[in-house]
Amino acid sequence: LWLLVILQVALLWVVTDLRHQAIPS
């Protein structure tokens, strides 16, 4: 159960990081 939660949080963090990198600064 904890592994599933960790994977979900990690995936969300990666997606958010990619979105921030995609934003032109």
C-alpha atoms as a PDB file:
ATOM      1  CA  LEU A   1       0.000   0.000   0.000  1.00  0.00           C
ATOM      2  CA  TRP A   2       2.775   2.429   0.916  1.00  0.00           C
ATOM      3  CA  LEU A   3       4.625   1.598  -2.299  1.00  0.00           C
ATOM      4  CA  LEU A   4       1.577   2.603  -4.332  1.00  0.00           C
ATOM      5  CA  VAL A   5       1.353   5.923  -2.480  1.00  0.00           C
ATOM      6  CA  ILE A   6       5.062   6.622  -2.973  1.00  0.00           C
ATOM      7  CA  LEU A   7       4.830   5.887  -6.695  1.00  0.00           C
ATOM      8  CA  GLN A   8       1.807   8.166  -7.058  1.00  0.00           C
ATOM      9  CA  VAL A   9       3.517  11.040  -5.245  1.00  0.00           C
ATOM     10  CA  ALA A  10       6.729  10.525  -7.222  1.00  0.00           C
ATOM     11  CA  LEU A  11       4.802  10.550 -10.498  1.00  0.00           C
ATOM     12  CA  LEU A  12       2.996  13.752  -9.539  1.00  0.00           C
ATOM     13  CA  TRP A  13       6.301  15.377  -8.566  1.00  0.00           C
ATOM     14  CA  VAL A  14       7.912  14.407 -11.877  1.00  0.00           C
ATOM     15  CA  VAL A  15       4.951  15.712 -13.895  1.00  0.00           C
ATOM     16  CA  THR A  16       4.999  18.992 -11.981  1.00  0.00           C
ATOM     17  CA  ASP A  17       8.757  19.337 -12.510  1.00  0.00           C
ATOM     18  CA  LEU A  18       8.374  18.722 -16.237  1.00  0.00           C
ATOM     19  CA  ARG A  19       5.641  21.344 -16.419  1.00  0.00           C
ATOM     20  CA  HIS A  20       7.878  23.899 -14.699  1.00  0.00           C
ATOM     21  CA  GLN A  21      10.709  23.108 -17.115  1.00  0.00           C
ATOM     22  CA  ALA A  22       8.329  23.471 -20.062  1.00  0.00           C
ATOM     23  CA  ILE A  23       7.443  27.017 -19.004  1.00  0.00           C
ATOM     24  CA  PRO A  24       9.708  29.510 -20.827  1.00  0.00           C
ATOM     25  CA  SER A  25      11.500  31.725 -18.327  1.00  0.00           C
END
